Amino acid sequence: MDKRVYLLTIVSFVVGMVELIIGGILDIVANDLNISIGQAGLLITIFSLVYAIAAPILLILTSGIERKRLTL
């Protein structure tokens, strides 16, 4: 199998886990930044909103590119 497929799989996994990992260490992040846990929780909210808004926009912008070429 092409090495690029493995790389794509790993990158997709990491992108999916980023939002979940920060939730587990939220208290540590809040302490390091000297902010409340609620304020640190906004990091997850902002990341999710940016991801939710950017995904459809990028899908539209890349609609003319062949999918296999785009992902690999």
PDB file of N, CA and C in Angstrom:
ATOM      1  N   MET A   1       0.842  -1.181   0.000  1.00  0.00           N
ATOM      2  CA  MET A   1       0.000   0.000   0.000  1.00  0.00           C
ATOM      3  C   MET A   1       0.890   1.247   0.000  1.00  0.00           C
ATOM      4  N   ASP A   2       0.387   2.282  -0.598  1.00  0.00           N
ATOM      5  CA  ASP A   2       1.111   3.544  -0.710  1.00  0.00           C
ATOM      6  C   ASP A   2       1.354   4.156   0.675  1.00  0.00           C
ATOM      7  N   LYS A   3       2.558   4.639   0.902  1.00  0.00           N
ATOM      8  CA  LYS A   3       2.907   5.242   2.195  1.00  0.00           C
ATOM      9  C   LYS A   3       2.075   6.486   2.474  1.00  0.00           C
ATOM     10  N   ARG A   4       1.631   7.152   1.430  1.00  0.00           N
ATOM     11  CA  ARG A   4       0.821   8.359   1.612  1.00  0.00           C
ATOM     12  C   ARG A   4      -0.535   8.035   2.234  1.00  0.00           C
ATOM     13  N   VAL A   5      -1.048   6.839   1.974  1.00  0.00           N
ATOM     14  CA  VAL A   5      -2.319   6.426   2.578  1.00  0.00           C
ATOM     15  C   VAL A   5      -2.148   6.270   4.085  1.00  0.00           C
ATOM     16  N   TYR A   6      -1.033   5.676   4.501  1.00  0.00           N
ATOM     17  CA  TYR A   6      -0.756   5.552   5.935  1.00  0.00           C
ATOM     18  C   TYR A   6      -0.620   6.927   6.580  1.00  0.00           C
ATOM     19  N   LEU A   7       0.065   7.831   5.913  1.00  0.00           N
ATOM     20  CA  LEU A   7       0.228   9.185   6.429  1.00  0.00           C
ATOM     21  C   LEU A   7      -1.127   9.879   6.560  1.00  0.00           C
ATOM     22  N   LEU A   8      -1.977   9.725   5.564  1.00  0.00           N
ATOM     23  CA  LEU A   8      -3.312  10.317   5.603  1.00  0.00           C
ATOM     24  C   LEU A   8      -4.119   9.752   6.767  1.00  0.00           C
ATOM     25  N   THR A   9      -4.001   8.459   7.008  1.00  0.00           N
ATOM     26  CA  THR A   9      -4.709   7.822   8.116  1.00  0.00           C
ATOM     27  C   THR A   9      -4.246   8.377   9.456  1.00  0.00           C
ATOM     28  N   ILE A  10      -2.949   8.506   9.622  1.00  0.00           N
ATOM     29  CA  ILE A  10      -2.397   9.022  10.877  1.00  0.00           C
ATOM     30  C   ILE A  10      -2.818  10.471  11.096  1.00  0.00           C
ATOM     31  N   VAL A  11      -2.728  11.279  10.057  1.00  0.00           N
ATOM     32  CA  VAL A  11      -3.104  12.692  10.178  1.00  0.00           C
ATOM     33  C   VAL A  11      -4.588  12.829  10.498  1.00  0.00           C
ATOM     34  N   SER A  12      -5.426  12.034   9.870  1.00  0.00           N
ATOM     35  CA  SER A  12      -6.865  12.086  10.146  1.00  0.00           C
ATOM     36  C   SER A  12      -7.158  11.714  11.593  1.00  0.00           C
ATOM     37  N   PHE A  13      -6.461  10.707  12.096  1.00  0.00           N
ATOM     38  CA  PHE A  13      -6.631  10.298  13.486  1.00  0.00           C
ATOM     39  C   PHE A  13      -6.213  11.412  14.440  1.00  0.00           C
ATOM     40  N   VAL A  14      -5.072  12.019  14.171  1.00  0.00           N
ATOM     41  CA  VAL A  14      -4.564  13.089  15.043  1.00  0.00           C
ATOM     42  C   VAL A  14      -5.515  14.280  15.051  1.00  0.00           C
ATOM     43  N   VAL A  15      -6.011  14.672  13.899  1.00  0.00           N
ATOM     44  CA  VAL A  15      -6.943  15.802  13.828  1.00  0.00           C
ATOM     45  C   VAL A  15      -8.208  15.495  14.630  1.00  0.00           C
ATOM     46  N   GLY A  16      -8.691  14.275  14.547  1.00  0.00           N
ATOM     47  CA  GLY A  16      -9.879  13.892  15.315  1.00  0.00           C
ATOM     48  C   GLY A  16      -9.645  13.860  16.811  1.00  0.00           C
ATOM     49  N   MET A  17      -8.441  13.516  17.228  1.00  0.00           N
ATOM     50  CA  MET A  17      -8.131  13.392  18.652  1.00  0.00           C
ATOM     51  C   MET A  17      -7.784  14.718  19.323  1.00  0.00           C
ATOM     52  N   VAL A  18      -7.399  15.710  18.551  1.00  0.00           N
ATOM     53  CA  VAL A  18      -6.956  16.984  19.132  1.00  0.00           C
ATOM     54  C   VAL A  18      -8.024  17.571  20.051  1.00  0.00           C
ATOM     55  N   GLU A  19      -9.254  17.570  19.597  1.00  0.00           N
ATOM     56  CA  GLU A  19     -10.335  18.152  20.393  1.00  0.00           C
ATOM     57  C   GLU A  19     -10.574  17.346  21.666  1.00  0.00           C
ATOM     58  N   LEU A  20     -10.429  16.040  21.597  1.00  0.00           N
ATOM     59  CA  LEU A  20     -10.669  15.203  22.769  1.00  0.00           C
ATOM     60  C   LEU A  20      -9.527  15.275  23.773  1.00  0.00           C
ATOM     61  N   ILE A  21      -8.308  15.399  23.294  1.00  0.00           N
ATOM     62  CA  ILE A  21      -7.149  15.446  24.186  1.00  0.00           C
ATOM     63  C   ILE A  21      -7.195  16.685  25.063  1.00  0.00           C
ATOM     64  N   ILE A  22      -7.522  17.824  24.501  1.00  0.00           N
ATOM     65  CA  ILE A  22      -7.539  19.066  25.277  1.00  0.00           C
ATOM     66  C   ILE A  22      -8.574  18.993  26.390  1.00  0.00           C
ATOM     67  N   GLY A  23      -9.644  18.264  26.184  1.00  0.00           N
ATOM     68  CA  GLY A  23     -10.651  18.103  27.237  1.00  0.00           C
ATOM     69  C   GLY A  23     -10.111  17.361  28.443  1.00  0.00           C
ATOM     70  N   GLY A  24      -9.210  16.422  28.224  1.00  0.00           N
ATOM     71  CA  GLY A  24      -8.629  15.653  29.315  1.00  0.00           C
ATOM     72  C   GLY A  24      -7.605  16.419  30.132  1.00  0.00           C
ATOM     73  N   ILE A  25      -6.987  17.400  29.528  1.00  0.00           N
ATOM     74  CA  ILE A  25      -5.958  18.170  30.238  1.00  0.00           C
ATOM     75  C   ILE A  25      -6.393  19.619  30.442  1.00  0.00           C
ATOM     76  N   LEU A  26      -7.688  19.838  30.421  1.00  0.00           N
ATOM     77  CA  LEU A  26      -8.219  21.197  30.500  1.00  0.00           C
ATOM     78  C   LEU A  26      -7.818  21.903  31.792  1.00  0.00           C
ATOM     79  N   ASP A  27      -7.825  21.188  32.910  1.00  0.00           N
ATOM     80  CA  ASP A  27      -7.447  21.824  34.181  1.00  0.00           C
ATOM     81  C   ASP A  27      -5.976  22.235  34.194  1.00  0.00           C
ATOM     82  N   ILE A  28      -5.124  21.445  33.561  1.00  0.00           N
ATOM     83  CA  ILE A  28      -3.699  21.779  33.476  1.00  0.00           C
ATOM     84  C   ILE A  28      -3.502  23.021  32.605  1.00  0.00           C
ATOM     85  N   VAL A  29      -4.204  23.062  31.483  1.00  0.00           N
ATOM     86  CA  VAL A  29      -4.117  24.220  30.587  1.00  0.00           C
ATOM     87  C   VAL A  29      -4.600  25.477  31.308  1.00  0.00           C
ATOM     88  N   ALA A  30      -5.707  25.353  32.027  1.00  0.00           N
ATOM     89  CA  ALA A  30      -6.251  26.502  32.757  1.00  0.00           C
ATOM     90  C   ALA A  30      -5.259  27.001  33.803  1.00  0.00           C
ATOM     91  N   ASN A  31      -4.630  26.081  34.529  1.00  0.00           N
ATOM     92  CA  ASN A  31      -3.640  26.482  35.534  1.00  0.00           C
ATOM     93  C   ASN A  31      -2.433  27.151  34.890  1.00  0.00           C
ATOM     94  N   ASP A  32      -1.952  26.603  33.792  1.00  0.00           N
ATOM     95  CA  ASP A  32      -0.782  27.175  33.116  1.00  0.00           C
ATOM     96  C   ASP A  32      -1.053  28.574  32.570  1.00  0.00           C
ATOM     97  N   LEU A  33      -2.270  28.800  32.109  1.00  0.00           N
ATOM     98  CA  LEU A  33      -2.622  30.104  31.540  1.00  0.00           C
ATOM     99  C   LEU A  33      -3.197  31.067  32.579  1.00  0.00           C
ATOM    100  N   ASN A  34      -3.328  30.581  33.824  1.00  0.00           N
ATOM    101  CA  ASN A  34      -3.901  31.390  34.914  1.00  0.00           C
ATOM    102  C   ASN A  34      -5.298  31.908  34.576  1.00  0.00           C
ATOM    103  N   ILE A  35      -6.132  31.004  34.052  1.00  0.00           N
ATOM    104  CA  ILE A  35      -7.516  31.339  33.734  1.00  0.00           C
ATOM    105  C   ILE A  35      -8.414  30.267  34.332  1.00  0.00           C
ATOM    106  N   SER A  36      -9.715  30.512  34.335  1.00  0.00           N
ATOM    107  CA  SER A  36     -10.650  29.529  34.878  1.00  0.00           C
ATOM    108  C   SER A  36     -10.817  28.370  33.895  1.00  0.00           C
ATOM    109  N   ILE A  37     -11.342  27.263  34.420  1.00  0.00           N
ATOM    110  CA  ILE A  37     -11.580  26.100  33.558  1.00  0.00           C
ATOM    111  C   ILE A  37     -12.634  26.440  32.502  1.00  0.00           C
ATOM    112  N   GLY A  38     -13.603  27.262  32.866  1.00  0.00           N
ATOM    113  CA  GLY A  38     -14.618  27.694  31.898  1.00  0.00           C
ATOM    114  C   GLY A  38     -14.026  28.464  30.735  1.00  0.00           C
ATOM    115  N   GLN A  39     -13.096  29.352  31.058  1.00  0.00           N
ATOM    116  CA  GLN A  39     -12.440  30.114  29.991  1.00  0.00           C
ATOM    117  C   GLN A  39     -11.577  29.197  29.133  1.00  0.00           C
ATOM    118  N   ALA A  40     -10.904  28.258  29.767  1.00  0.00           N
ATOM    119  CA  ALA A  40     -10.094  27.311  29.002  1.00  0.00           C
ATOM    120  C   ALA A  40     -10.980  26.423  28.133  1.00  0.00           C
ATOM    121  N   GLY A  41     -12.194  26.148  28.609  1.00  0.00           N
ATOM    122  CA  GLY A  41     -13.141  25.362  27.823  1.00  0.00           C
ATOM    123  C   GLY A  41     -13.529  26.044  26.527  1.00  0.00           C
ATOM    124  N   LEU A  42     -13.405  27.353  26.501  1.00  0.00           N
ATOM    125  CA  LEU A  42     -13.685  28.087  25.263  1.00  0.00           C
ATOM    126  C   LEU A  42     -12.710  27.698  24.152  1.00  0.00           C
ATOM    127  N   LEU A  43     -11.522  27.207  24.529  1.00  0.00           N
ATOM    128  CA  LEU A  43     -10.576  26.728  23.513  1.00  0.00           C
ATOM    129  C   LEU A  43     -11.201  25.616  22.679  1.00  0.00           C
ATOM    130  N   ILE A  44     -11.875  24.696  23.354  1.00  0.00           N
ATOM    131  CA  ILE A  44     -12.529  23.592  22.646  1.00  0.00           C
ATOM    132  C   ILE A  44     -13.666  24.122  21.781  1.00  0.00           C
ATOM    133  N   THR A  45     -14.435  25.059  22.327  1.00  0.00           N
ATOM    134  CA  THR A  45     -15.552  25.632  21.580  1.00  0.00           C
ATOM    135  C   THR A  45     -15.073  26.364  20.335  1.00  0.00           C
ATOM    136  N   ILE A  46     -14.045  27.173  20.485  1.00  0.00           N
ATOM    137  CA  ILE A  46     -13.520  27.935  19.347  1.00  0.00           C
ATOM    138  C   ILE A  46     -12.959  27.000  18.288  1.00  0.00           C
ATOM    139  N   PHE A  47     -12.201  25.983  18.716  1.00  0.00           N
ATOM    140  CA  PHE A  47     -11.659  25.016  17.765  1.00  0.00           C
ATOM    141  C   PHE A  47     -12.787  24.332  16.999  1.00  0.00           C
ATOM    142  N   SER A  48     -13.829  23.912  17.714  1.00  0.00           N
ATOM    143  CA  SER A  48     -14.949  23.223  17.073  1.00  0.00           C
ATOM    144  C   SER A  48     -15.677  24.123  16.085  1.00  0.00           C
ATOM    145  N   LEU A  49     -15.876  25.376  16.464  1.00  0.00           N
ATOM    146  CA  LEU A  49     -16.556  26.308  15.562  1.00  0.00           C
ATOM    147  C   LEU A  49     -15.740  26.573  14.298  1.00  0.00           C
ATOM    148  N   VAL A  50     -14.448  26.791  14.468  1.00  0.00           N
ATOM    149  CA  VAL A  50     -13.587  27.018  13.299  1.00  0.00           C
ATOM    150  C   VAL A  50     -13.598  25.795  12.393  1.00  0.00           C
ATOM    151  N   TYR A  51     -13.513  24.619  12.977  1.00  0.00           N
ATOM    152  CA  TYR A  51     -13.526  23.376  12.203  1.00  0.00           C
ATOM    153  C   TYR A  51     -14.857  23.218  11.470  1.00  0.00           C
ATOM    154  N   ALA A  52     -15.965  23.492  12.170  1.00  0.00           N
ATOM    155  CA  ALA A  52     -17.292  23.341  11.569  1.00  0.00           C
ATOM    156  C   ALA A  52     -17.537  24.343  10.450  1.00  0.00           C
ATOM    157  N   ILE A  53     -16.997  25.538  10.580  1.00  0.00           N
ATOM    158  CA  ILE A  53     -17.180  26.559   9.545  1.00  0.00           C
ATOM    159  C   ILE A  53     -16.226  26.327   8.374  1.00  0.00           C
ATOM    160  N   ALA A  54     -14.982  25.966   8.673  1.00  0.00           N
ATOM    161  CA  ALA A  54     -13.976  25.822   7.621  1.00  0.00           C
ATOM    162  C   ALA A  54     -14.180  24.575   6.764  1.00  0.00           C
ATOM    163  N   ALA A  55     -14.678  23.500   7.340  1.00  0.00           N
ATOM    164  CA  ALA A  55     -14.815  22.247   6.586  1.00  0.00           C
ATOM    165  C   ALA A  55     -15.699  22.395   5.349  1.00  0.00           C
ATOM    166  N   PRO A  56     -16.920  22.925   5.456  1.00  0.00           N
ATOM    167  CA  PRO A  56     -17.736  23.071   4.248  1.00  0.00           C
ATOM    168  C   PRO A  56     -17.155  24.070   3.245  1.00  0.00           C
ATOM    169  N   ILE A  57     -16.533  25.132   3.761  1.00  0.00           N
ATOM    170  CA  ILE A  57     -15.934  26.123   2.866  1.00  0.00           C
ATOM    171  C   ILE A  57     -14.802  25.492   2.064  1.00  0.00           C
ATOM    172  N   LEU A  58     -13.943  24.739   2.739  1.00  0.00           N
ATOM    173  CA  LEU A  58     -12.851  24.065   2.033  1.00  0.00           C
ATOM    174  C   LEU A  58     -13.376  23.016   1.064  1.00  0.00           C
ATOM    175  N   LEU A  59     -14.474  22.362   1.415  1.00  0.00           N
ATOM    176  CA  LEU A  59     -15.081  21.386   0.513  1.00  0.00           C
ATOM    177  C   LEU A  59     -15.543  22.060  -0.774  1.00  0.00           C
ATOM    178  N   ILE A  60     -16.156  23.213  -0.658  1.00  0.00           N
ATOM    179  CA  ILE A  60     -16.615  23.952  -1.841  1.00  0.00           C
ATOM    180  C   ILE A  60     -15.431  24.449  -2.666  1.00  0.00           C
ATOM    181  N   LEU A  61     -14.418  24.997  -1.990  1.00  0.00           N
ATOM    182  CA  LEU A  61     -13.258  25.538  -2.699  1.00  0.00           C
ATOM    183  C   LEU A  61     -12.457  24.465  -3.428  1.00  0.00           C
ATOM    184  N   THR A  62     -12.472  23.256  -2.916  1.00  0.00           N
ATOM    185  CA  THR A  62     -11.696  22.177  -3.536  1.00  0.00           C
ATOM    186  C   THR A  62     -12.563  21.229  -4.357  1.00  0.00           C
ATOM    187  N   SER A  63     -13.800  21.610  -4.640  1.00  0.00           N
ATOM    188  CA  SER A  63     -14.706  20.715  -5.362  1.00  0.00           C
ATOM    189  C   SER A  63     -14.244  20.419  -6.787  1.00  0.00           C
ATOM    190  N   GLY A  64     -13.461  21.301  -7.367  1.00  0.00           N
ATOM    191  CA  GLY A  64     -12.998  21.085  -8.735  1.00  0.00           C
ATOM    192  C   GLY A  64     -11.756  20.216  -8.842  1.00  0.00           C
ATOM    193  N   ILE A  65     -11.180  19.849  -7.721  1.00  0.00           N
ATOM    194  CA  ILE A  65      -9.957  19.046  -7.720  1.00  0.00           C
ATOM    195  C   ILE A  65     -10.322  17.583  -7.515  1.00  0.00           C
ATOM    196  N   GLU A  66      -9.672  16.722  -8.261  1.00  0.00           N
ATOM    197  CA  GLU A  66      -9.910  15.291  -8.129  1.00  0.00           C
ATOM    198  C   GLU A  66      -9.627  14.858  -6.686  1.00  0.00           C
ATOM    199  N   ARG A  67     -10.538  14.108  -6.079  1.00  0.00           N
ATOM    200  CA  ARG A  67     -10.444  13.739  -4.664  1.00  0.00           C
ATOM    201  C   ARG A  67      -9.185  12.936  -4.345  1.00  0.00           C
ATOM    202  N   LYS A  68      -8.840  12.000  -5.187  1.00  0.00           N
ATOM    203  CA  LYS A  68      -7.651  11.191  -4.916  1.00  0.00           C
ATOM    204  C   LYS A  68      -6.405  12.072  -4.905  1.00  0.00           C
ATOM    205  N   ARG A  69      -6.311  12.965  -5.850  1.00  0.00           N
ATOM    206  CA  ARG A  69      -5.158  13.871  -5.913  1.00  0.00           C
ATOM    207  C   ARG A  69      -5.144  14.813  -4.714  1.00  0.00           C
ATOM    208  N   LEU A  70      -6.312  15.245  -4.292  1.00  0.00           N
ATOM    209  CA  LEU A  70      -6.419  16.174  -3.172  1.00  0.00           C
ATOM    210  C   LEU A  70      -5.992  15.524  -1.858  1.00  0.00           C
ATOM    211  N   THR A  71      -6.390  14.294  -1.628  1.00  0.00           N
ATOM    212  CA  THR A  71      -6.061  13.631  -0.363  1.00  0.00           C
ATOM    213  C   THR A  71      -4.658  13.063  -0.336  1.00  0.00           C
ATOM    214  N   LEU A  72      -4.136  12.710  -1.477  1.00  0.00           N
ATOM    215  CA  LEU A  72      -2.784  12.150  -1.499  1.00  0.00           C
ATOM    216  C   LEU A  72      -1.802  13.215  -1.898  1.00  0.00           C
TER     217      LEU A  72
END
